[in-house]
C-alpha cells in the first residue's frame, strides 16, 4: 500500500532559497507555469535533482551511489523511503552542497507530494524519473573505475545519443504530456509532433552541458564525446583535459555543437507551435533554448578553450535573455525571430 502523508497543495516542496541554489534558471521558470502544471513539473525536477546529487557523490563509493539510486527508484514505486538516502557532507563554504543536502532531506516530503498528485500526473512523474535514474545507473556502470588519470569515453555516437535521450530527451516527452493535459488542448498528431521536437530539444540542451563541461568531466574520468571519433582524430579520452589538444579536438566538438544547435532550434520551433496563451508556458518552454544558444555561441567563439573560466551567463545577461524571450513570446512567430537574433558575447 502506498504510504501517503498529508501535504498542503499550495506549500512549497522545498524552501525557495534551496530551489534557487540548486537551479537559478528553473527557480525562475517554474513561477511562469499554471498551478496545475507547476506541481508535477517541480516534483519531477526536484526528485531528478536529488537522484543526480546521489549519482555525483564523489566522496561515496560507486556501489553506495548505486544503492542510493536504487533506493530512490524503489521509493518512487512504493511511495515511501525505507531508509535515509546517503547525505552529502555539509560544507559551510559551498551553498550548493548545503542546498543539495537539504534536498535529500526533503525526499520524504517530495514522495508525499507525489502521492497527492492525480493519477495521470503521478504516472508521468514516476515514468520520467525512473528513466532518468535508469540512465544514471547506466552511467555509473559505464564509468566504473574511471578517474582523471584513466578517463573513459562513451563508445560512439549511438551511445551519446542514448545517453542524452535518457538524461534529457525523455523530459521533452514529459513536458509535452503535461502541456496537453493542463495548458493547451492537443490532438494526437500535434502531441506526437511536439513530443518528437521536445526530445530533440532535450538532447540539444544536454549537449550544451557536455560541451561546456567537457574538461571538468574529463578530470573526473568521464568523457562523453565518442571514443571512435576521438580515435579518428588521433586522440584519446585524456585529450579533453589537455589544452594542447584543442586544435585536434575542434572538428569533433564542432560536429556536436552543430547537433546541439539543431536541438535548440527544435526547442524554438516547439515554443513557436504553442499558442501565445497561456503566456507563461510559452516563455518557460523557450527560455532554456535562448540560454542554451547564448552559451553555445560563447563556447564556439572561445573555440572551446579550457584555459579560461567556465562559460557562465551572468545575472544581468540572464535577465536580458528572460526579457527577450518574453517579448518574443508575445506574437505567434516571435520565437522563430529570436533564433535569428545576433548574440552578444557572454
Protein backbone atom coordinates (compact mmCIF):
# COMPACT_ATOMS: atom_id res chain seq x y z
CA UNK A 1 0.00 0.00 0.00
CA UNK A 2 1.21 3.50 -0.86
CA UNK A 3 2.24 5.45 2.23
CA UNK A 4 0.57 8.87 1.99
CA UNK A 5 1.34 11.82 4.23
CA UNK A 6 -0.95 14.83 4.19
CA UNK A 7 0.61 17.69 2.21
CA UNK A 8 -0.57 21.25 1.70
CA UNK A 9 -1.18 21.56 -2.06
CA UNK A 10 -0.07 25.20 -2.02
CA UNK A 11 3.04 24.82 0.17
CA UNK A 12 6.48 24.66 -1.49
CA UNK A 13 8.19 21.28 -1.50
CA UNK A 14 11.49 22.89 -0.51
CA UNK A 15 12.32 26.42 0.65
CA UNK A 16 12.62 28.90 -2.22
CA UNK A 17 16.24 29.57 -1.26
CA UNK A 18 17.07 25.87 -1.68
CA UNK A 19 15.43 25.80 -5.11
CA UNK A 20 17.38 28.88 -6.24
CA UNK A 21 20.67 27.37 -5.07
CA UNK A 22 20.19 24.09 -6.93
CA UNK A 23 18.99 25.82 -10.13
CA UNK A 24 18.52 29.54 -10.57
CA UNK A 25 17.02 29.17 -14.07
CA UNK A 26 14.47 26.55 -13.04
CA UNK A 27 13.52 28.59 -9.96
CA UNK A 28 12.64 31.46 -12.30
CA UNK A 29 10.81 29.50 -14.98
CA UNK A 30 8.70 27.37 -12.60
CA UNK A 31 6.88 30.53 -11.48
CA UNK A 32 5.63 31.08 -15.03
CA UNK A 33 3.64 27.84 -15.18
CA UNK A 34 -0.06 27.48 -14.30
CA UNK A 35 -0.51 25.93 -10.86
CA UNK A 36 -1.85 22.61 -12.16
CA UNK A 37 1.26 22.12 -14.28
CA UNK A 38 3.70 23.62 -11.79
CA UNK A 39 3.31 20.94 -9.10
CA UNK A 40 4.20 17.87 -11.22
CA UNK A 41 7.00 19.74 -13.03
CA UNK A 42 8.54 20.91 -9.76
CA UNK A 43 8.26 17.45 -8.21
CA UNK A 44 9.87 15.76 -11.21
CA UNK A 45 12.70 18.30 -11.23
CA UNK A 46 13.43 18.03 -7.52
CA UNK A 47 13.32 14.22 -7.49
CA UNK A 48 15.63 14.11 -10.53
CA UNK A 49 17.94 16.64 -8.88
CA UNK A 50 18.03 14.50 -5.73
CA UNK A 51 18.98 11.49 -7.86
CA UNK A 52 21.68 13.49 -9.61
CA UNK A 53 23.08 14.56 -6.24
CA UNK A 54 23.44 10.91 -5.25
CA UNK A 55 24.95 9.90 -8.61
CA UNK A 56 27.58 12.66 -8.45
CA UNK A 57 28.74 11.94 -4.89
CA UNK A 58 32.48 11.82 -5.49
CA UNK A 59 33.11 11.10 -1.79
CA UNK A 60 30.95 7.96 -1.94
CA UNK A 61 31.90 4.57 -3.40
CA UNK A 62 30.12 3.64 -6.63
CA UNK A 63 28.24 0.75 -5.03
CA UNK A 64 26.78 3.07 -2.37
CA UNK A 65 25.76 5.58 -5.02
CA UNK A 66 24.15 2.78 -6.97
CA UNK A 67 22.36 1.64 -3.82
CA UNK A 68 21.09 5.15 -3.15
CA UNK A 69 19.74 5.47 -6.69
CA UNK A 70 18.04 2.09 -6.48
CA UNK A 71 16.51 3.05 -3.13
CA UNK A 72 15.11 6.26 -4.60
CA UNK A 73 13.84 4.41 -7.65
CA UNK A 74 12.07 1.88 -5.43
CA UNK A 75 10.61 4.67 -3.30
CA UNK A 76 9.00 6.22 -6.39
CA UNK A 77 7.11 2.99 -6.99
CA UNK A 78 6.31 2.28 -3.32
CA UNK A 79 5.51 5.84 -2.28
CA UNK A 80 7.80 5.73 0.74
CA UNK A 81 11.50 5.74 1.54
CA UNK A 82 12.51 2.78 3.76
CA UNK A 83 15.80 4.36 4.89
CA UNK A 84 17.52 7.76 4.64
CA UNK A 85 19.41 8.44 1.43
CA UNK A 86 23.21 8.93 1.60
CA UNK A 87 23.60 12.57 2.59
CA UNK A 88 26.49 14.63 1.20
CA UNK A 89 28.92 16.13 3.65
CA UNK A 90 27.93 19.64 4.61
CA UNK A 91 30.21 22.49 3.56
CA UNK A 92 29.62 25.86 5.13
CA UNK A 93 31.53 27.50 2.28
CA UNK A 94 29.54 25.79 -0.50
CA UNK A 95 25.88 26.87 -0.56
CA UNK A 96 25.10 24.47 -3.40
CA UNK A 97 26.33 21.47 -1.40
CA UNK A 98 24.26 22.60 1.58
CA UNK A 99 21.20 23.00 -0.65
CA UNK A 100 21.72 19.51 -2.09
CA UNK A 101 21.87 18.06 1.42
CA UNK A 102 18.63 19.87 2.27
CA UNK A 103 17.08 18.49 -0.91
CA UNK A 104 17.88 14.90 0.07
CA UNK A 105 16.37 15.53 3.50
CA UNK A 106 13.20 16.71 1.73
CA UNK A 107 12.72 13.50 -0.29
CA UNK A 108 10.02 12.09 2.07
CA UNK A 109 8.04 15.30 1.56
CA UNK A 110 8.54 15.03 -2.20
CA UNK A 111 7.17 11.49 -2.10
CA UNK A 112 4.16 12.72 -0.12
CA UNK A 113 3.62 15.38 -2.78
CA UNK A 114 3.88 12.72 -5.46
CA UNK A 115 1.17 10.64 -3.76
CA UNK A 116 -1.09 13.70 -3.69
CA UNK A 117 -0.96 14.22 -7.47
CA UNK A 118 -3.75 12.93 -9.65
CA UNK A 119 -3.14 9.54 -11.20
CA UNK A 120 -2.08 10.71 -14.68
CA UNK A 121 0.40 13.31 -13.40
CA UNK A 122 1.81 10.89 -10.84
CA UNK A 123 2.34 8.24 -13.52
CA UNK A 124 4.16 10.73 -15.76
CA UNK A 125 6.44 11.90 -12.93
CA UNK A 126 7.30 8.32 -11.95
CA UNK A 127 7.95 7.35 -15.59
CA UNK A 128 10.30 10.24 -16.35
CA UNK A 129 12.17 9.93 -13.03
CA UNK A 130 12.54 6.18 -13.50
CA UNK A 131 14.06 6.76 -16.95
CA UNK A 132 16.44 9.39 -15.58
CA UNK A 133 17.56 7.18 -12.70
CA UNK A 134 18.00 4.23 -15.06
CA UNK A 135 20.29 6.38 -17.22
CA UNK A 136 22.28 7.48 -14.16
CA UNK A 137 22.74 3.83 -13.17
CA UNK A 138 23.96 3.01 -16.69
CA UNK A 139 26.32 5.98 -16.45
CA UNK A 140 27.80 4.65 -13.20
CA UNK A 141 28.38 1.29 -14.89
CA UNK A 142 29.94 2.87 -17.99
CA UNK A 143 32.40 4.93 -15.98
CA UNK A 144 33.12 2.34 -13.29
CA UNK A 145 36.82 2.54 -12.43
CA UNK A 146 37.36 5.71 -14.45
CA UNK A 147 39.44 8.52 -12.97
CA UNK A 148 41.23 11.65 -14.04
CA UNK A 149 44.30 9.51 -14.76
CA UNK A 150 42.38 6.86 -16.68
CA UNK A 151 39.30 8.52 -18.20
CA UNK A 152 36.71 6.53 -20.12
CA UNK A 153 34.77 7.78 -23.15
CA UNK A 154 31.36 6.74 -24.47
CA UNK A 155 31.84 4.29 -27.32
CA UNK A 156 30.22 6.02 -30.28
CA UNK A 157 27.56 8.45 -31.48
CA UNK A 158 24.78 5.98 -30.71
CA UNK A 159 25.93 5.71 -27.10
CA UNK A 160 26.00 9.50 -26.77
CA UNK A 161 22.55 9.83 -28.33
CA UNK A 162 21.16 7.17 -25.99
CA UNK A 163 22.69 8.97 -23.00
CA UNK A 164 21.32 12.39 -23.96
CA UNK A 165 17.91 10.86 -24.66
CA UNK A 166 17.81 9.12 -21.28
CA UNK A 167 19.05 12.09 -19.28
CA UNK A 168 17.21 14.92 -21.08
CA UNK A 169 15.32 13.89 -24.22
CA UNK A 170 12.74 11.98 -22.19
CA UNK A 171 11.95 15.22 -20.34
CA UNK A 172 10.65 16.68 -23.61
CA UNK A 173 8.01 13.96 -23.82
CA UNK A 174 7.10 14.56 -20.15
CA UNK A 175 6.78 18.31 -20.74
CA UNK A 176 4.53 17.68 -23.76
CA UNK A 177 2.22 15.37 -21.80
CA UNK A 178 1.74 17.99 -19.08
CA UNK A 179 1.15 20.81 -21.56
CA UNK A 180 -1.51 18.73 -23.32
CA UNK A 181 -3.19 17.87 -20.01
CA UNK A 182 -3.05 21.24 -18.25
CA UNK A 183 -2.35 24.08 -20.67
CA UNK A 184 -3.00 23.55 -24.38
CA UNK A 185 -5.50 21.02 -25.81
CA UNK A 186 -3.67 18.97 -28.44
CA UNK A 187 -4.92 16.36 -30.85
CA UNK A 188 -2.88 13.16 -31.12
CA UNK A 189 -0.96 14.29 -34.21
CA UNK A 190 0.06 17.63 -32.69
CA UNK A 191 1.03 15.97 -29.45
CA UNK A 192 3.17 13.40 -31.24
CA UNK A 193 4.93 16.12 -33.30
CA UNK A 194 5.62 18.20 -30.20
CA UNK A 195 6.95 15.19 -28.30
CA UNK A 196 9.44 14.49 -31.12
CA UNK A 197 10.64 18.10 -31.10
CA UNK A 198 10.71 18.07 -27.31
CA UNK A 199 13.02 15.05 -27.31
CA UNK A 200 15.36 16.72 -29.80
CA UNK A 201 15.26 19.84 -27.65
CA UNK A 202 16.24 17.95 -24.50
CA UNK A 203 19.11 16.19 -26.27
CA UNK A 204 20.36 19.54 -27.61
CA UNK A 205 20.32 21.09 -24.13
CA UNK A 206 22.31 18.20 -22.69
CA UNK A 207 24.90 18.52 -25.46
CA UNK A 208 25.43 22.15 -24.41
CA UNK A 209 26.26 20.88 -20.92
CA UNK A 210 28.61 18.25 -22.31
CA UNK A 211 30.47 20.75 -24.48
CA UNK A 212 30.64 23.35 -21.70
CA UNK A 213 31.83 20.93 -19.01
CA UNK A 214 33.99 18.62 -21.13
CA UNK A 215 37.33 19.40 -19.49
CA UNK A 216 35.90 19.32 -15.97
CA UNK A 217 34.18 15.98 -16.64
CA UNK A 218 37.39 14.54 -18.13
CA UNK A 219 39.27 15.38 -14.94
CA UNK A 220 36.68 13.24 -13.13
CA UNK A 221 37.29 10.43 -15.61
CA UNK A 222 34.14 10.92 -17.69
CA UNK A 223 34.30 11.76 -21.40
CA UNK A 224 31.01 11.98 -23.25
CA UNK A 225 32.37 12.69 -26.74
CA UNK A 226 32.52 9.39 -28.69
CA UNK A 227 35.71 7.35 -28.37
CA UNK A 228 35.66 6.33 -32.04
CA UNK A 229 35.55 9.98 -33.16
CA UNK A 230 38.40 10.84 -30.81
CA UNK A 231 40.47 7.95 -32.18
CA UNK A 232 39.81 9.11 -35.74
CA UNK A 233 41.27 12.48 -34.73
CA UNK A 234 44.34 10.77 -33.25
CA UNK A 235 43.23 11.43 -29.68
CA UNK A 236 42.25 9.54 -26.55
CA UNK A 237 39.81 10.31 -23.72
CA UNK A 238 42.58 12.03 -21.76
CA UNK A 239 42.89 14.65 -24.52
CA UNK A 240 39.85 16.60 -23.29
CA UNK A 241 41.78 17.70 -20.21
CA UNK A 242 44.79 18.82 -22.28
CA UNK A 243 44.59 22.37 -23.68
CA UNK A 244 47.26 21.47 -26.26
CA UNK A 245 44.85 19.00 -27.85
CA UNK A 246 42.23 21.69 -28.55
CA UNK A 247 43.07 22.15 -32.28
CA UNK A 248 42.71 18.42 -32.99
CA UNK A 249 39.53 18.27 -30.89
CA UNK A 250 37.95 21.22 -32.68
CA UNK A 251 36.31 19.24 -35.54
CA UNK A 252 34.80 16.73 -33.11
CA UNK A 253 33.45 19.48 -30.89
CA UNK A 254 32.16 21.42 -33.89
CA UNK A 255 30.14 18.42 -35.11
CA UNK A 256 28.47 18.01 -31.74
CA UNK A 257 27.96 21.76 -31.36
CA UNK A 258 26.05 21.68 -34.67
CA UNK A 259 23.88 18.84 -33.36
CA UNK A 260 23.31 20.76 -30.16
CA UNK A 261 22.25 23.84 -32.09
CA UNK A 262 19.87 21.72 -34.16
CA UNK A 263 18.26 20.51 -30.93
CA UNK A 264 17.98 24.03 -29.51
CA UNK A 265 16.33 25.22 -32.72
CA UNK A 266 13.87 22.33 -32.32
CA UNK A 267 13.07 23.85 -28.92
CA UNK A 268 12.39 27.21 -30.51
CA UNK A 269 10.16 25.53 -33.10
CA UNK A 270 8.38 23.79 -30.21
CA UNK A 271 7.70 27.11 -28.48
CA UNK A 272 6.54 28.65 -31.76
CA UNK A 273 3.96 25.86 -32.15
CA UNK A 274 2.36 26.77 -28.83
CA UNK A 275 -0.33 29.45 -28.75
CA UNK A 276 0.52 32.83 -27.23
CA UNK A 277 -1.64 31.92 -24.24
CA UNK A 278 -1.01 30.60 -21.68
CA UNK A 279 1.88 33.02 -21.99
CA UNK A 280 3.93 31.61 -19.10
CA UNK A 281 4.05 28.12 -20.61
CA UNK A 282 5.41 29.53 -23.85
CA UNK A 283 8.10 31.59 -22.10
CA UNK A 284 9.12 28.70 -19.82
CA UNK A 285 9.43 26.48 -22.91
CA UNK A 286 11.52 28.97 -24.87
CA UNK A 287 13.84 30.23 -22.14
CA UNK A 288 16.19 27.20 -21.90
CA UNK A 289 16.72 27.32 -25.68
CA UNK A 290 17.57 31.03 -25.55
CA UNK A 291 20.05 30.47 -22.71
CA UNK A 292 21.47 27.40 -24.45
CA UNK A 293 22.04 29.23 -27.73
CA UNK A 294 23.78 32.06 -25.93
CA UNK A 295 26.03 29.63 -24.06
CA UNK A 296 26.80 27.62 -27.19
CA UNK A 297 27.72 30.75 -29.14
CA UNK A 298 30.10 31.80 -26.37
CA UNK A 299 31.74 28.35 -26.40
CA UNK A 300 32.17 28.49 -30.16
CA UNK A 301 33.68 31.97 -30.03
CA UNK A 302 36.20 30.77 -27.46
CA UNK A 303 36.99 27.72 -29.54
CA UNK A 304 36.01 25.58 -26.51
CA UNK A 305 39.22 26.82 -24.87
CA UNK A 306 39.66 25.19 -21.45
CA UNK A 307 42.26 27.69 -20.23
CA UNK A 308 39.74 30.40 -19.30
CA UNK A 309 36.92 30.46 -16.78
CA UNK A 310 33.93 28.19 -17.30
CA UNK A 311 31.36 29.85 -19.55
CA UNK A 312 28.54 31.10 -17.38
CA UNK A 313 25.78 33.60 -18.07
CA UNK A 314 25.79 36.45 -15.56
CA UNK A 315 22.70 37.59 -13.68
CA UNK A 316 22.46 40.67 -15.91
CA UNK A 317 22.72 38.58 -19.07
CA UNK A 318 20.17 36.12 -17.72
CA UNK A 319 17.71 38.92 -17.02
CA UNK A 320 18.23 40.28 -20.55
CA UNK A 321 17.65 36.81 -22.01
CA UNK A 322 14.44 36.43 -19.99
CA UNK A 323 13.16 39.80 -21.24
CA UNK A 324 13.98 38.95 -24.88
CA UNK A 325 12.33 35.56 -24.55
CA UNK A 326 9.20 37.07 -23.02
CA UNK A 327 9.00 39.71 -25.76
CA UNK A 328 9.43 37.04 -28.43
CA UNK A 329 6.52 35.06 -26.98
CA UNK A 330 4.06 37.92 -27.37
CA UNK A 331 3.46 37.16 -31.06
CA UNK A 332 2.91 33.85 -32.86
CA UNK A 333 6.13 33.99 -34.88
CA UNK A 334 8.22 35.69 -32.21
CA UNK A 335 10.19 32.65 -31.01
CA UNK A 336 11.47 31.92 -34.54
CA UNK A 337 12.69 35.51 -34.86
CA UNK A 338 14.59 35.07 -31.60
CA UNK A 339 16.58 32.27 -33.26
CA UNK A 340 17.83 34.76 -35.87
CA UNK A 341 18.81 37.46 -33.37
CA UNK A 342 22.61 38.04 -33.19
CA UNK A 343 24.09 37.17 -29.82
CA UNK A 344 26.37 39.40 -27.81
CA UNK A 345 29.41 37.79 -26.21
CA UNK A 346 28.86 36.14 -22.83
